[in-house]
N, C-alpha and C. Protein backbone atom coordinates (compact mmCIF):
# COMPACT_ATOMS: atom_id res chain seq x y z
N MET A 1 74.25 273.63 189.74
CA MET A 1 73.35 272.67 189.12
C MET A 1 72.85 273.17 187.76
N LEU A 2 72.49 274.46 187.71
CA LEU A 2 72.00 275.04 186.47
C LEU A 2 73.07 274.98 185.38
N GLU A 3 74.31 275.23 185.74
CA GLU A 3 75.41 275.16 184.77
C GLU A 3 75.58 273.74 184.22
N LEU A 4 75.42 272.74 185.06
CA LEU A 4 75.51 271.34 184.61
C LEU A 4 74.40 271.01 183.62
N ILE A 5 73.20 271.52 183.88
CA ILE A 5 72.08 271.29 182.97
C ILE A 5 72.35 271.95 181.62
N LYS A 6 72.87 273.19 181.65
CA LYS A 6 73.21 273.90 180.41
C LYS A 6 74.27 273.12 179.63
N LEU A 7 75.30 272.67 180.30
CA LEU A 7 76.36 271.91 179.63
C LEU A 7 75.82 270.60 179.04
N ALA A 8 74.94 269.94 179.76
CA ALA A 8 74.35 268.71 179.25
C ALA A 8 73.50 268.98 178.02
N ALA A 9 72.74 270.08 178.02
CA ALA A 9 71.90 270.44 176.87
C ALA A 9 72.77 270.76 175.66
N ILE A 10 73.82 271.52 175.86
CA ILE A 10 74.74 271.85 174.76
C ILE A 10 75.39 270.59 174.22
N GLY A 11 75.79 269.71 175.09
CA GLY A 11 76.39 268.44 174.66
C GLY A 11 75.42 267.59 173.87
N ALA A 12 74.15 267.56 174.27
CA ALA A 12 73.14 266.78 173.55
C ALA A 12 72.91 267.34 172.16
N VAL A 13 72.84 268.66 172.04
CA VAL A 13 72.65 269.30 170.73
C VAL A 13 73.85 269.01 169.84
N ASN A 14 75.05 269.18 170.36
CA ASN A 14 76.26 268.92 169.56
C ASN A 14 76.36 267.46 169.15
N ALA A 15 75.96 266.55 170.00
CA ALA A 15 76.02 265.12 169.69
C ALA A 15 75.02 264.74 168.60
N SER A 16 73.89 265.44 168.53
CA SER A 16 72.89 265.10 167.52
C SER A 16 73.24 265.68 166.15
N LYS A 17 74.26 266.52 166.09
CA LYS A 17 74.72 267.16 164.86
C LYS A 17 73.56 267.81 164.11
N PRO A 18 73.03 268.92 164.62
CA PRO A 18 71.95 269.60 163.90
C PRO A 18 72.46 270.11 162.56
N VAL A 19 71.57 270.57 161.74
CA VAL A 19 71.93 271.05 160.40
C VAL A 19 72.95 272.18 160.52
N SER A 20 73.97 272.13 159.66
CA SER A 20 74.96 273.21 159.64
C SER A 20 75.40 273.47 158.21
N LEU A 21 75.90 274.68 157.96
CA LEU A 21 76.40 275.06 156.64
C LEU A 21 77.85 274.65 156.50
N VAL A 22 78.20 274.08 155.35
CA VAL A 22 79.58 273.75 155.04
C VAL A 22 79.87 274.13 153.60
N PHE A 23 81.13 274.35 153.31
CA PHE A 23 81.56 274.69 151.96
C PHE A 23 82.38 273.54 151.41
N GLY A 24 82.31 273.34 150.09
CA GLY A 24 83.08 272.28 149.47
C GLY A 24 83.51 272.66 148.08
N GLU A 25 84.32 271.78 147.49
CA GLU A 25 84.78 271.98 146.11
C GLU A 25 84.55 270.71 145.33
N VAL A 26 84.00 270.86 144.13
CA VAL A 26 83.74 269.72 143.26
C VAL A 26 85.07 269.19 142.73
N THR A 27 85.33 267.90 143.00
CA THR A 27 86.58 267.29 142.55
C THR A 27 86.35 266.25 141.46
N GLY A 28 85.09 265.89 141.22
CA GLY A 28 84.75 264.94 140.17
C GLY A 28 83.28 265.10 139.80
N VAL A 29 82.94 264.79 138.53
CA VAL A 29 81.54 264.93 138.12
C VAL A 29 80.90 263.63 137.66
N SER A 30 81.67 262.66 137.30
CA SER A 30 81.10 261.39 136.86
C SER A 30 81.97 260.24 137.35
N PRO A 31 81.78 259.80 138.58
CA PRO A 31 80.73 260.14 139.54
C PRO A 31 81.04 261.45 140.26
N LEU A 32 79.97 262.06 140.78
CA LEU A 32 80.09 263.33 141.49
C LEU A 32 80.83 263.12 142.81
N LYS A 33 81.83 263.97 143.07
CA LYS A 33 82.58 263.95 144.32
C LYS A 33 82.81 265.40 144.75
N ILE A 34 82.61 265.65 146.02
CA ILE A 34 82.83 266.99 146.58
C ILE A 34 83.72 266.86 147.80
N SER A 35 84.79 267.65 147.81
CA SER A 35 85.73 267.65 148.93
C SER A 35 85.33 268.75 149.91
N VAL A 36 85.31 268.40 151.20
CA VAL A 36 84.97 269.35 152.26
C VAL A 36 86.22 269.57 153.10
N GLU A 37 86.72 270.79 153.09
CA GLU A 37 87.86 271.20 153.91
C GLU A 37 89.05 270.24 153.79
N GLN A 38 89.27 269.68 152.66
CA GLN A 38 90.40 268.79 152.37
C GLN A 38 90.53 267.62 153.34
N ARG A 39 89.44 267.30 154.05
CA ARG A 39 89.51 266.18 155.00
C ARG A 39 88.47 265.12 154.73
N LEU A 40 87.46 265.46 153.95
CA LEU A 40 86.34 264.56 153.71
C LEU A 40 85.93 264.65 152.26
N VAL A 41 85.79 263.50 151.60
CA VAL A 41 85.31 263.48 150.22
C VAL A 41 83.93 262.82 150.22
N LEU A 42 82.94 263.58 149.72
CA LEU A 42 81.57 263.09 149.66
C LEU A 42 81.31 262.51 148.28
N ASN A 43 80.57 261.38 148.24
CA ASN A 43 80.21 260.80 146.95
C ASN A 43 78.74 261.07 146.67
N GLU A 44 78.31 260.76 145.45
CA GLU A 44 76.95 261.14 145.03
C GLU A 44 75.85 260.50 145.86
N GLU A 45 76.11 259.37 146.51
CA GLU A 45 75.10 258.75 147.37
C GLU A 45 74.81 259.59 148.61
N GLN A 46 75.75 260.44 148.99
CA GLN A 46 75.60 261.28 150.18
C GLN A 46 75.03 262.66 149.86
N LEU A 47 74.83 262.95 148.58
CA LEU A 47 74.49 264.30 148.15
C LEU A 47 73.07 264.39 147.61
N VAL A 48 72.37 265.45 148.00
CA VAL A 48 71.06 265.78 147.46
C VAL A 48 71.23 267.08 146.71
N LEU A 49 70.91 267.09 145.40
CA LEU A 49 71.13 268.26 144.57
C LEU A 49 69.86 269.07 144.39
N THR A 50 69.98 270.38 144.46
CA THR A 50 68.87 271.27 144.12
C THR A 50 68.99 271.62 142.63
N SER A 51 67.96 272.24 142.08
CA SER A 51 68.01 272.62 140.67
C SER A 51 69.04 273.72 140.42
N ASN A 52 69.54 274.35 141.48
CA ASN A 52 70.59 275.36 141.32
C ASN A 52 71.93 274.76 140.91
N VAL A 53 72.09 273.43 141.06
CA VAL A 53 73.39 272.81 140.78
C VAL A 53 73.27 271.61 139.84
N ARG A 54 72.23 271.57 139.05
CA ARG A 54 72.10 270.48 138.08
C ARG A 54 71.43 271.00 136.82
N ASP A 55 71.63 270.28 135.73
CA ASP A 55 70.92 270.60 134.49
C ASP A 55 69.48 270.15 134.63
N TYR A 56 68.55 270.93 134.11
CA TYR A 56 67.15 270.54 134.16
C TYR A 56 66.38 271.21 133.02
N GLU A 57 65.23 270.61 132.68
CA GLU A 57 64.38 271.17 131.64
C GLU A 57 63.36 272.10 132.26
N LEU A 58 63.03 273.14 131.51
CA LEU A 58 62.10 274.16 131.97
C LEU A 58 61.11 274.45 130.84
N ASP A 59 59.82 274.43 131.13
CA ASP A 59 58.79 274.81 130.15
C ASP A 59 58.57 276.31 130.25
N MET A 60 58.60 276.98 129.10
CA MET A 60 58.36 278.42 129.06
C MET A 60 57.39 278.74 127.92
N THR A 61 56.62 279.78 128.10
CA THR A 61 55.78 280.28 127.03
C THR A 61 56.48 281.47 126.41
N VAL A 62 56.65 281.43 125.08
CA VAL A 62 57.35 282.50 124.37
C VAL A 62 56.43 283.10 123.32
N SER A 63 56.70 284.34 122.97
CA SER A 63 55.96 285.02 121.92
C SER A 63 56.81 286.18 121.41
N HIS A 64 57.52 285.91 120.31
CA HIS A 64 58.34 286.96 119.70
C HIS A 64 58.60 286.63 118.24
N PHE A 65 59.36 287.48 117.57
CA PHE A 65 59.69 287.29 116.16
C PHE A 65 61.16 286.95 116.03
N THR A 66 61.48 286.17 115.01
CA THR A 66 62.88 285.84 114.74
C THR A 66 63.33 286.62 113.51
N GLY A 67 64.62 286.70 113.33
CA GLY A 67 65.19 287.32 112.14
C GLY A 67 65.27 288.82 112.24
N GLU A 68 66.23 289.37 111.49
CA GLU A 68 66.48 290.81 111.48
C GLU A 68 65.69 291.51 110.37
N SER A 69 65.56 290.86 109.23
CA SER A 69 64.92 291.51 108.08
C SER A 69 63.50 290.97 107.88
N ASP A 70 62.68 291.74 107.17
CA ASP A 70 61.30 291.33 106.91
C ASP A 70 61.23 290.08 106.06
N SER A 71 62.23 289.85 105.20
CA SER A 71 62.19 288.68 104.32
C SER A 71 62.41 287.37 105.09
N HIS A 72 63.01 287.45 106.24
CA HIS A 72 63.30 286.24 107.02
C HIS A 72 62.56 286.22 108.36
N ARG A 73 61.74 287.17 108.61
CA ARG A 73 61.07 287.33 109.90
C ARG A 73 59.86 286.40 110.01
N HIS A 74 59.75 285.69 111.14
CA HIS A 74 58.57 284.88 111.42
C HIS A 74 58.34 284.80 112.93
N THR A 75 57.14 284.39 113.30
CA THR A 75 56.82 284.33 114.73
C THR A 75 57.37 283.05 115.35
N TYR A 76 57.67 283.17 116.60
CA TYR A 76 58.13 282.04 117.40
C TYR A 76 57.35 282.14 118.69
N GLU A 77 56.34 281.27 118.84
CA GLU A 77 55.49 281.39 120.00
C GLU A 77 54.95 280.04 120.44
N GLY A 78 54.45 280.03 121.67
CA GLY A 78 53.87 278.82 122.24
C GLY A 78 54.68 278.34 123.43
N ARG A 79 54.30 277.18 123.90
CA ARG A 79 54.99 276.58 125.04
C ARG A 79 56.19 275.79 124.52
N LYS A 80 57.37 276.11 125.03
CA LYS A 80 58.63 275.50 124.56
C LYS A 80 59.41 274.95 125.74
N LYS A 81 60.17 273.88 125.49
CA LYS A 81 61.07 273.31 126.49
C LYS A 81 62.47 273.87 126.28
N PHE A 82 63.09 274.26 127.40
CA PHE A 82 64.46 274.75 127.36
C PHE A 82 65.28 273.97 128.37
N LEU A 83 66.53 273.70 128.03
CA LEU A 83 67.44 273.02 128.94
C LEU A 83 68.29 274.07 129.64
N VAL A 84 68.23 274.08 130.96
CA VAL A 84 69.03 275.01 131.77
C VAL A 84 70.30 274.27 132.17
N HIS A 85 71.44 274.84 131.81
CA HIS A 85 72.75 274.22 132.07
C HIS A 85 73.33 274.76 133.38
N ASN A 86 72.96 274.14 134.48
CA ASN A 86 73.44 274.55 135.80
C ASN A 86 74.34 273.50 136.43
N GLY A 87 74.67 272.45 135.71
CA GLY A 87 75.40 271.34 136.29
C GLY A 87 76.74 271.73 136.87
N LEU A 88 77.16 270.97 137.86
CA LEU A 88 78.45 271.21 138.51
C LEU A 88 79.60 270.77 137.62
N VAL A 89 80.71 271.49 137.71
CA VAL A 89 81.93 271.13 137.01
C VAL A 89 83.07 271.11 138.03
N VAL A 90 84.13 270.38 137.70
CA VAL A 90 85.29 270.31 138.57
C VAL A 90 85.81 271.72 138.84
N GLY A 91 86.04 271.99 140.11
CA GLY A 91 86.54 273.31 140.52
C GLY A 91 85.47 274.23 141.07
N ASP A 92 84.18 273.89 140.85
CA ASP A 92 83.11 274.71 141.41
C ASP A 92 83.17 274.68 142.93
N SER A 93 82.99 275.83 143.56
CA SER A 93 82.82 275.91 145.00
C SER A 93 81.33 275.87 145.28
N VAL A 94 80.94 275.12 146.30
CA VAL A 94 79.52 274.97 146.61
C VAL A 94 79.27 275.21 148.09
N ILE A 95 78.03 275.59 148.40
CA ILE A 95 77.59 275.72 149.78
C ILE A 95 76.56 274.63 150.02
N MET A 96 76.69 273.94 151.15
CA MET A 96 75.85 272.78 151.43
C MET A 96 75.29 272.85 152.84
N LEU A 97 74.18 272.17 153.04
CA LEU A 97 73.63 271.94 154.37
C LEU A 97 74.01 270.53 154.77
N GLN A 98 74.67 270.40 155.90
CA GLN A 98 74.96 269.08 156.45
C GLN A 98 73.73 268.66 157.24
N MET A 99 73.08 267.58 156.83
CA MET A 99 71.84 267.16 157.45
C MET A 99 72.13 266.53 158.82
N GLN A 100 71.11 266.49 159.64
CA GLN A 100 71.25 265.95 160.99
C GLN A 100 71.82 264.54 160.93
N GLY A 101 72.80 264.28 161.73
CA GLY A 101 73.49 262.99 161.71
C GLY A 101 74.80 263.06 160.96
N GLY A 102 74.95 264.06 160.06
CA GLY A 102 76.22 264.31 159.41
C GLY A 102 76.58 263.44 158.24
N GLN A 103 75.72 262.53 157.79
CA GLN A 103 76.07 261.63 156.70
C GLN A 103 75.66 262.14 155.32
N ASN A 104 74.59 262.94 155.25
CA ASN A 104 74.07 263.43 153.97
C ASN A 104 74.13 264.94 153.92
N PHE A 105 74.26 265.46 152.69
CA PHE A 105 74.43 266.89 152.47
C PHE A 105 73.53 267.34 151.33
N VAL A 106 72.88 268.49 151.51
CA VAL A 106 72.10 269.11 150.44
C VAL A 106 72.98 270.17 149.80
N VAL A 107 73.25 270.03 148.50
CA VAL A 107 74.06 271.00 147.79
C VAL A 107 73.12 272.12 147.35
N LEU A 108 73.22 273.26 148.01
CA LEU A 108 72.29 274.37 147.79
C LEU A 108 72.58 275.17 146.54
N ASP A 109 73.85 275.55 146.36
CA ASP A 109 74.17 276.47 145.26
C ASP A 109 75.66 276.53 145.06
N LYS A 110 76.05 277.16 143.96
CA LYS A 110 77.45 277.44 143.70
C LYS A 110 77.81 278.73 144.40
N VAL A 111 79.07 278.84 144.81
CA VAL A 111 79.57 280.05 145.46
C VAL A 111 80.47 280.76 144.46
N VAL A 112 80.21 282.05 144.28
CA VAL A 112 81.01 282.85 143.35
C VAL A 112 81.80 283.86 144.16
N ASN A 113 83.10 283.78 144.07
CA ASN A 113 83.96 284.75 144.77
C ASN A 113 84.27 285.89 143.81
N ILE A 114 83.97 287.10 144.24
CA ILE A 114 84.20 288.27 143.39
C ILE A 114 85.50 288.93 143.79
């Protein structure tokens, strides 16, 4: 009886498709498409992007001097906006969380193979 209960519990968890890690490859960027194990192609409606995989603006406070020589040297300081270029490109490998239910995926980061 205990074994039947264990099997039923395992079956219920597997049927609910809890969060799991999956790997994919970017096959298109406009519109965004990611291929998972060459069997499933995800479109941008199914994807949630973190700032690790998209371009975004960042406010920073800077305080330094520009130029090499005294004749051209001046201060560069204050709060400045910078654009961080993290966007996905075709061929990028990514790691994703498959959300419960299996229809949507959070793209966590790019994977770098050394």
